[in-house]
PDB file of N, CA and C in Angstrom:
ATOM      1  N   MET A   1       0.541  -0.846   0.368  1.00  0.00           N
ATOM      2  CA  MET A   1       0.083  -0.114   0.001  1.00  0.00           C
ATOM      3  C   MET A   1       0.828   1.409  -0.054  1.00  0.00           C
ATOM      4  N   THR A   2       1.162   2.405  -0.780  1.00  0.00           N
ATOM      5  CA  THR A   2       1.444   3.627  -0.645  1.00  0.00           C
ATOM      6  C   THR A   2       0.689   4.947  -0.333  1.00  0.00           C
ATOM      7  N   THR A   3       1.612   5.424   0.755  1.00  0.00           N
ATOM      8  CA  THR A   3       0.816   6.549   1.079  1.00  0.00           C
ATOM      9  C   THR A   3       1.032   8.010   0.100  1.00  0.00           C
ATOM     10  N   ARG A   4      -0.247   8.317   0.005  1.00  0.00           N
ATOM     11  CA  ARG A   4       0.071   9.110  -0.665  1.00  0.00           C
ATOM     12  C   ARG A   4      -0.484  10.601   0.034  1.00  0.00           C
ATOM     13  N   HIS A   5       1.193  11.525  -0.453  1.00  0.00           N
ATOM     14  CA  HIS A   5       1.180  12.450   0.607  1.00  0.00           C
ATOM     15  C   HIS A   5       0.620  13.684  -0.069  1.00  0.00           C
ATOM     16  N   PRO A   6      -0.356  14.823   0.463  1.00  0.00           N
ATOM     17  CA  PRO A   6      -1.034  15.958   0.142  1.00  0.00           C
ATOM     18  C   PRO A   6       0.212  16.574  -0.562  1.00  0.00           C
ATOM     19  N   ARG A   7      -0.248  17.417  -1.766  1.00  0.00           N
ATOM     20  CA  ARG A   7       0.282  18.381  -2.513  1.00  0.00           C
ATOM     21  C   ARG A   7       0.780  19.236  -1.680  1.00  0.00           C
ATOM     22  N   LEU A   8      -0.013  19.784  -0.414  1.00  0.00           N
ATOM     23  CA  LEU A   8       0.644  21.438   0.345  1.00  0.00           C
ATOM     24  C   LEU A   8       1.982  20.551   0.735  1.00  0.00           C
ATOM     25  N   GLN A   9       1.528  19.152   1.598  1.00  0.00           N
ATOM     26  CA  GLN A   9       2.366  18.691   2.477  1.00  0.00           C
ATOM     27  C   GLN A   9       3.897  18.874   1.917  1.00  0.00           C
ATOM     28  N   LEU A  10       3.767  18.364   0.593  1.00  0.00           N
ATOM     29  CA  LEU A  10       5.329  17.940  -0.417  1.00  0.00           C
ATOM     30  C   LEU A  10       5.103  19.476  -0.359  1.00  0.00           C
ATOM     31  N   ASN A  11       5.024  20.480  -0.932  1.00  0.00           N
ATOM     32  CA  ASN A  11       5.487  21.692  -0.584  1.00  0.00           C
ATOM     33  C   ASN A  11       5.976  22.216   0.389  1.00  0.00           C
ATOM     34  N   VAL A  12       5.321  22.190   1.163  1.00  0.00           N
ATOM     35  CA  VAL A  12       6.272  22.879   2.998  1.00  0.00           C
ATOM     36  C   VAL A  12       7.054  21.911   3.028  1.00  0.00           C
ATOM     37  N   GLY A  13       7.437  20.859   2.209  1.00  0.00           N
ATOM     38  CA  GLY A  13       8.254  20.044   2.790  1.00  0.00           C
ATOM     39  C   GLY A  13       9.588  19.942   1.626  1.00  0.00           C
ATOM     40  N   ALA A  14       9.369  20.651   0.042  1.00  0.00           N
ATOM     41  CA  ALA A  14      10.409  20.816  -0.891  1.00  0.00           C
ATOM     42  C   ALA A  14      11.156  22.478  -0.466  1.00  0.00           C
ATOM     43  N   GLY A  15      10.280  23.307   0.012  1.00  0.00           N
ATOM     44  CA  GLY A  15      11.156  24.524   0.501  1.00  0.00           C
ATOM     45  C   GLY A  15      11.837  24.074   1.917  1.00  0.00           C
ATOM     46  N   LEU A  16      11.172  23.369   2.626  1.00  0.00           N
ATOM     47  CA  LEU A  16      12.298  23.527   3.463  1.00  0.00           C
ATOM     48  C   LEU A  16      13.123  22.645   3.468  1.00  0.00           C
ATOM     49  N   ARG A  17      13.509  22.322   2.230  1.00  0.00           N
ATOM     50  CA  ARG A  17      14.564  21.543   2.117  1.00  0.00           C
ATOM     51  C   ARG A  17      15.421  22.060   0.830  1.00  0.00           C
ATOM     52  N   ARG A  18      14.836  23.051   0.334  1.00  0.00           N
ATOM     53  CA  ARG A  18      15.434  23.789  -0.304  1.00  0.00           C
ATOM     54  C   ARG A  18      16.466  24.918   0.456  1.00  0.00           C
ATOM     55  N   TRP A  19      15.297  25.290   1.547  1.00  0.00           N
ATOM     56  CA  TRP A  19      15.969  26.504   2.256  1.00  0.00           C
ATOM     57  C   TRP A  19      17.310  25.742   2.675  1.00  0.00           C
ATOM     58  N   ARG A  20      17.352  24.524   3.590  1.00  0.00           N
ATOM     59  CA  ARG A  20      18.158  24.029   4.173  1.00  0.00           C
ATOM     60  C   ARG A  20      19.528  23.848   3.182  1.00  0.00           C
ATOM     61  N   GLN A  21      19.216  23.420   2.591  1.00  0.00           N
ATOM     62  CA  GLN A  21      20.246  22.824   1.631  1.00  0.00           C
ATOM     63  C   GLN A  21      21.165  24.273   1.253  1.00  0.00           C
ATOM     64  N   ARG A  22      20.422  25.244   0.773  1.00  0.00           N
ATOM     65  CA  ARG A  22      20.760  26.232   0.178  1.00  0.00           C
ATOM     66  C   ARG A  22      21.554  27.350   1.128  1.00  0.00           C
ATOM     67  N   ASN A  23      21.834  26.925   2.485  1.00  0.00           N
ATOM     68  CA  ASN A  23      21.692  27.508   3.531  1.00  0.00           C
ATOM     69  C   ASN A  23      23.286  26.285   4.432  1.00  0.00           C
ATOM     70  N   GLY A  24      23.497  25.191   3.364  1.00  0.00           N
ATOM     71  CA  GLY A  24      24.104  24.057   3.716  1.00  0.00           C
ATOM     72  C   GLY A  24      24.608  23.435   5.371  1.00  0.00           C
ATOM     73  N   LEU A  25      22.875  23.251   5.345  1.00  0.00           N
ATOM     74  CA  LEU A  25      22.607  22.633   6.989  1.00  0.00           C
ATOM     75  C   LEU A  25      22.343  20.872   6.956  1.00  0.00           C
ATOM     76  N   SER A  26      22.869  20.487   7.647  1.00  0.00           N
ATOM     77  CA  SER A  26      21.966  18.849   7.530  1.00  0.00           C
ATOM     78  C   SER A  26      20.683  19.441   8.437  1.00  0.00           C
ATOM     79  N   GLN A  27      20.216  17.999   7.946  1.00  0.00           N
ATOM     80  CA  GLN A  27      18.521  18.130   8.325  1.00  0.00           C
ATOM     81  C   GLN A  27      18.883  18.295  10.495  1.00  0.00           C
ATOM     82  N   ASP A  28      20.039  18.185  10.970  1.00  0.00           N
ATOM     83  CA  ASP A  28      19.680  18.041  12.174  1.00  0.00           C
ATOM     84  C   ASP A  28      20.445  19.066  12.478  1.00  0.00           C
ATOM     85  N   GLN A  29      21.545  19.589  12.213  1.00  0.00           N
ATOM     86  CA  GLN A  29      21.764  21.528  12.009  1.00  0.00           C
ATOM     87  C   GLN A  29      20.530  22.412  11.661  1.00  0.00           C
ATOM     88  N   ALA A  30      19.233  21.985  10.880  1.00  0.00           N
ATOM     89  CA  ALA A  30      18.386  22.981  10.573  1.00  0.00           C
ATOM     90  C   ALA A  30      17.676  22.540  11.534  1.00  0.00           C
ATOM     91  N   ALA A  31      17.344  21.504  12.146  1.00  0.00           N
ATOM     92  CA  ALA A  31      16.175  20.797  13.407  1.00  0.00           C
ATOM     93  C   ALA A  31      17.046  22.283  14.898  1.00  0.00           C
ATOM     94  N   ARG A  32      18.268  21.683  14.877  1.00  0.00           N
ATOM     95  CA  ARG A  32      18.330  22.487  15.771  1.00  0.00           C
ATOM     96  C   ARG A  32      17.828  23.994  15.557  1.00  0.00           C
ATOM     97  N   VAL A  33      18.417  24.527  14.127  1.00  0.00           N
ATOM     98  CA  VAL A  33      17.696  26.474  13.923  1.00  0.00           C
ATOM     99  C   VAL A  33      16.444  26.077  14.443  1.00  0.00           C
ATOM    100  N   LEU A  34      15.142  25.216  13.853  1.00  0.00           N
ATOM    101  CA  LEU A  34      14.107  25.202  13.384  1.00  0.00           C
ATOM    102  C   LEU A  34      13.685  25.215  14.904  1.00  0.00           C
ATOM    103  N   GLY A  35      14.188  24.593  15.534  1.00  0.00           N
ATOM    104  CA  GLY A  35      13.738  24.187  17.455  1.00  0.00           C
ATOM    105  C   GLY A  35      12.598  22.966  16.892  1.00  0.00           C
ATOM    106  N   PHE A  36      12.891  21.558  16.120  1.00  0.00           N
ATOM    107  CA  PHE A  36      12.029  20.396  15.925  1.00  0.00           C
ATOM    108  C   PHE A  36      13.641  19.106  16.006  1.00  0.00           C
ATOM    109  N   HIS A  37      12.319  18.473  15.952  1.00  0.00           N
ATOM    110  CA  HIS A  37      12.973  17.110  16.482  1.00  0.00           C
ATOM    111  C   HIS A  37      14.148  16.893  14.457  1.00  0.00           C
ATOM    112  N   ARG A  38      14.803  16.507  14.827  1.00  0.00           N
ATOM    113  CA  ARG A  38      15.635  15.818  13.224  1.00  0.00           C
ATOM    114  C   ARG A  38      15.279  14.813  12.480  1.00  0.00           C
ATOM    115  N   SER A  39      13.793  14.134  13.094  1.00  0.00           N
ATOM    116  CA  SER A  39      13.491  13.274  12.401  1.00  0.00           C
ATOM    117  C   SER A  39      12.246  13.857  12.274  1.00  0.00           C
ATOM    118  N   ARG A  40      11.268  14.839  12.509  1.00  0.00           N
ATOM    119  CA  ARG A  40      10.738  15.733  12.081  1.00  0.00           C
ATOM    120  C   ARG A  40      11.020  16.388  10.835  1.00  0.00           C
ATOM    121  N   ILE A  41      12.534  17.193  10.463  1.00  0.00           N
ATOM    122  CA  ILE A  41      12.568  17.928   9.701  1.00  0.00           C
ATOM    123  C   ILE A  41      12.487  16.593   8.548  1.00  0.00           C
ATOM    124  N   GLY A  42      12.689  15.418   8.717  1.00  0.00           N
ATOM    125  CA  GLY A  42      12.789  14.441   7.645  1.00  0.00           C
ATOM    126  C   GLY A  42      11.749  14.378   7.034  1.00  0.00           C
ATOM    127  N   HIS A  43      10.659  14.109   8.227  1.00  0.00           N
ATOM    128  CA  HIS A  43       9.248  14.234   8.104  1.00  0.00           C
ATOM    129  C   HIS A  43       8.514  14.874   6.990  1.00  0.00           C
ATOM    130  N   ILE A  44       8.686  16.128   7.591  1.00  0.00           N
ATOM    131  CA  ILE A  44       8.160  17.344   6.614  1.00  0.00           C
ATOM    132  C   ILE A  44       8.542  17.527   5.429  1.00  0.00           C
ATOM    133  N   GLU A  45      10.130  17.467   5.369  1.00  0.00           N
ATOM    134  CA  GLU A  45      10.685  17.403   3.755  1.00  0.00           C
ATOM    135  C   GLU A  45      10.359  16.476   3.031  1.00  0.00           C
ATOM    136  N   GLN A  46       9.612  15.168   3.800  1.00  0.00           N
ATOM    137  CA  GLN A  46       9.380  14.099   2.938  1.00  0.00           C
ATOM    138  C   GLN A  46       7.413  13.872   2.230  1.00  0.00           C
ATOM    139  N   GLY A  47       7.223  14.953   3.124  1.00  0.00           N
ATOM    140  CA  GLY A  47       5.496  16.036   2.628  1.00  0.00           C
ATOM    141  C   GLY A  47       4.857  14.059   3.656  1.00  0.00           C
ATOM    142  N   GLY A  48       5.360  13.953   4.466  1.00  0.00           N
ATOM    143  CA  GLY A  48       4.940  12.925   5.516  1.00  0.00           C
ATOM    144  C   GLY A  48       4.447  13.882   6.886  1.00  0.00           C
ATOM    145  N   GLN A  49       4.742  15.129   7.451  1.00  0.00           N
ATOM    146  CA  GLN A  49       3.854  15.261   8.307  1.00  0.00           C
ATOM    147  C   GLN A  49       3.231  15.839   7.924  1.00  0.00           C
ATOM    148  N   ASN A  50       1.646  16.224   8.704  1.00  0.00           N
ATOM    149  CA  ASN A  50       0.835  16.307   8.341  1.00  0.00           C
ATOM    150  C   ASN A  50       0.887  17.909   9.546  1.00  0.00           C
ATOM    151  N   LEU A  51       0.898  18.714   8.999  1.00  0.00           N
ATOM    152  CA  LEU A  51       1.251  20.323   9.473  1.00  0.00           C
ATOM    153  C   LEU A  51       0.268  20.870  10.241  1.00  0.00           C
ATOM    154  N   THR A  52       0.184  21.580  11.318  1.00  0.00           N
ATOM    155  CA  THR A  52      -1.306  22.482  11.623  1.00  0.00           C
ATOM    156  C   THR A  52      -0.816  23.963  10.682  1.00  0.00           C
ATOM    157  N   LEU A  53      -2.181  24.937  10.344  1.00  0.00           N
ATOM    158  CA  LEU A  53      -1.461  26.087  10.368  1.00  0.00           C
ATOM    159  C   LEU A  53      -0.754  27.033  10.980  1.00  0.00           C
ATOM    160  N   GLN A  54      -1.274  26.990  12.475  1.00  0.00           N
ATOM    161  CA  GLN A  54       0.327  26.978  13.364  1.00  0.00           C
ATOM    162  C   GLN A  54       1.432  27.507  12.781  1.00  0.00           C
ATOM    163  N   THR A  55       1.476  25.492  12.895  1.00  0.00           N
ATOM    164  CA  THR A  55       3.261  25.092  12.187  1.00  0.00           C
ATOM    165  C   THR A  55       3.233  26.026  11.070  1.00  0.00           C
ATOM    166  N   VAL A  56       2.675  25.687  10.337  1.00  0.00           N
ATOM    167  CA  VAL A  56       3.405  26.293   8.796  1.00  0.00           C
ATOM    168  C   VAL A  56       3.117  27.853   8.967  1.00  0.00           C
ATOM    169  N   GLU A  57       2.640  28.705   9.851  1.00  0.00           N
ATOM    170  CA  GLU A  57       2.926  30.154   9.904  1.00  0.00           C
ATOM    171  C   GLU A  57       4.057  30.147  10.744  1.00  0.00           C
ATOM    172  N   ASP A  58       4.596  29.471  11.922  1.00  0.00           N
ATOM    173  CA  ASP A  58       5.401  29.453  12.491  1.00  0.00           C
ATOM    174  C   ASP A  58       6.840  28.998  11.563  1.00  0.00           C
ATOM    175  N   LEU A  59       7.140  28.379  10.981  1.00  0.00           N
ATOM    176  CA  LEU A  59       8.039  27.522   9.961  1.00  0.00           C
ATOM    177  C   LEU A  59       8.619  28.853   9.019  1.00  0.00           C
ATOM    178  N   ALA A  60       7.936  28.989   8.401  1.00  0.00           N
ATOM    179  CA  ALA A  60       7.559  30.412   7.496  1.00  0.00           C
ATOM    180  C   ALA A  60       8.337  31.538   7.994  1.00  0.00           C
ATOM    181  N   ASP A  61       7.456  31.755   9.361  1.00  0.00           N
ATOM    182  CA  ASP A  61       8.389  33.019   9.815  1.00  0.00           C
ATOM    183  C   ASP A  61       9.852  32.973  10.511  1.00  0.00           C
ATOM    184  N   GLN A  62      10.222  31.615  10.898  1.00  0.00           N
ATOM    185  CA  GLN A  62      11.817  30.738  11.664  1.00  0.00           C
ATOM    186  C   GLN A  62      12.393  31.182   9.499  1.00  0.00           C
ATOM    187  N   LEU A  63      12.023  30.875   8.596  1.00  0.00           N
ATOM    188  CA  LEU A  63      12.121  31.130   7.312  1.00  0.00           C
ATOM    189  C   LEU A  63      12.448  32.405   6.573  1.00  0.00           C
ATOM    190  N   ASP A  64      11.955  33.197   7.397  1.00  0.00           N
ATOM    191  CA  ASP A  64      11.740  34.237   6.891  1.00  0.00           C
ATOM    192  C   ASP A  64      10.760  34.993   5.448  1.00  0.00           C
ATOM    193  N   VAL A  65       9.799  33.505   5.177  1.00  0.00           N
ATOM    194  CA  VAL A  65       9.171  34.055   3.750  1.00  0.00           C
ATOM    195  C   VAL A  65       7.769  33.785   4.925  1.00  0.00           C
ATOM    196  N   GLU A  66       6.695  34.888   3.554  1.00  0.00           N
ATOM    197  CA  GLU A  66       5.307  33.915   3.524  1.00  0.00           C
ATOM    198  C   GLU A  66       5.258  33.105   3.691  1.00  0.00           C
ATOM    199  N   PRO A  67       3.891  32.500   4.595  1.00  0.00           N
ATOM    200  CA  PRO A  67       2.940  31.346   4.312  1.00  0.00           C
ATOM    201  C   PRO A  67       2.595  30.985   3.760  1.00  0.00           C
ATOM    202  N   LEU A  68       1.915  31.407   2.744  1.00  0.00           N
ATOM    203  CA  LEU A  68       1.394  31.247   1.136  1.00  0.00           C
ATOM    204  C   LEU A  68       2.075  30.855   0.220  1.00  0.00           C
ATOM    205  N   ASP A  69       3.353  31.608   0.369  1.00  0.00           N
ATOM    206  CA  ASP A  69       4.417  31.132  -0.619  1.00  0.00           C
ATOM    207  C   ASP A  69       5.328  30.158  -0.326  1.00  0.00           C
ATOM    208  N   LEU A  70       5.144  29.411   0.800  1.00  0.00           N
ATOM    209  CA  LEU A  70       6.065  28.292   1.495  1.00  0.00           C
ATOM    210  C   LEU A  70       4.624  26.972   1.362  1.00  0.00           C
ATOM    211  N   LEU A  71       3.444  27.156   0.743  1.00  0.00           N
ATOM    212  CA  LEU A  71       2.156  26.237   0.673  1.00  0.00           C
ATOM    213  C   LEU A  71       2.364  26.390  -0.919  1.00  0.00           C
ATOM    214  N   ALA A  72       2.498  27.115  -1.739  1.00  0.00           N
ATOM    215  CA  ALA A  72       2.284  27.580  -3.019  1.00  0.00           C
ATOM    216  C   ALA A  72       3.349  26.532  -4.164  1.00  0.00           C
ATOM    217  N   GLY A  73       4.282  25.965  -3.594  1.00  0.00           N
ATOM    218  CA  GLY A  73       5.043  25.145  -4.374  1.00  0.00           C
ATOM    219  C   GLY A  73       6.509  25.465  -4.151  1.00  0.00           C
ATOM    220  N   LEU A  74       7.343  25.661  -5.234  1.00  0.00           N
ATOM    221  CA  LEU A  74       8.578  26.018  -5.363  1.00  0.00           C
ATOM    222  C   LEU A  74       8.846  26.877  -5.525  1.00  0.00           C
ATOM    223  N   PRO A  75       8.816  28.076  -4.184  1.00  0.00           N
ATOM    224  CA  PRO A  75       8.698  29.809  -4.141  1.00  0.00           C
ATOM    225  C   PRO A  75      10.013  30.031  -4.841  1.00  0.00           C
ATOM    226  N   ASP A  76      10.290  30.950  -5.386  1.00  0.00           N
ATOM    227  CA  ASP A  76      11.590  31.621  -6.034  1.00  0.00           C
ATOM    228  C   ASP A  76      12.541  32.114  -4.676  1.00  0.00           C
ATOM    229  N   TRP A  77      12.585  32.303  -3.387  1.00  0.00           N
ATOM    230  CA  TRP A  77      13.326  31.670  -2.408  1.00  0.00           C
ATOM    231  C   TRP A  77      13.711  30.666  -2.420  1.00  0.00           C
ATOM    232  N   ALA A  78      13.513  29.377  -2.533  1.00  0.00           N
ATOM    233  CA  ALA A  78      13.521  28.619  -2.224  1.00  0.00           C
ATOM    234  C   ALA A  78      15.194  27.706  -2.961  1.00  0.00           C
ATOM    235  N   THR A  79      14.445  28.684  -3.781  1.00  0.00           N
ATOM    236  CA  THR A  79      15.944  27.979  -5.272  1.00  0.00           C
ATOM    237  C   THR A  79      16.944  28.643  -5.381  1.00  0.00           C
ATOM    238  N   GLU A  80      16.884  30.095  -4.899  1.00  0.00           N
ATOM    239  CA  GLU A  80      17.854  31.061  -4.933  1.00  0.00           C
ATOM    240  C   GLU A  80      19.099  30.868  -4.153  1.00  0.00           C
TER     241      GLU A  80
END
């Protein structure tokens, strides 16, 4: 049985992964910077973490982006 990850979760995960890679951080380092456990960073990046709107807003704030940009897909800030 395959697990289906909703598009918004995948978008948030892709944005987080690009932010982390752009900043040269491992998942462990990103987890410390963002205040999450390392395994949660991995789950978010894979689209497997069902985030609350508050968590999306908090994460976007920590990444210094708008929450809607984080939900929208592969935003420009994530690929710079």
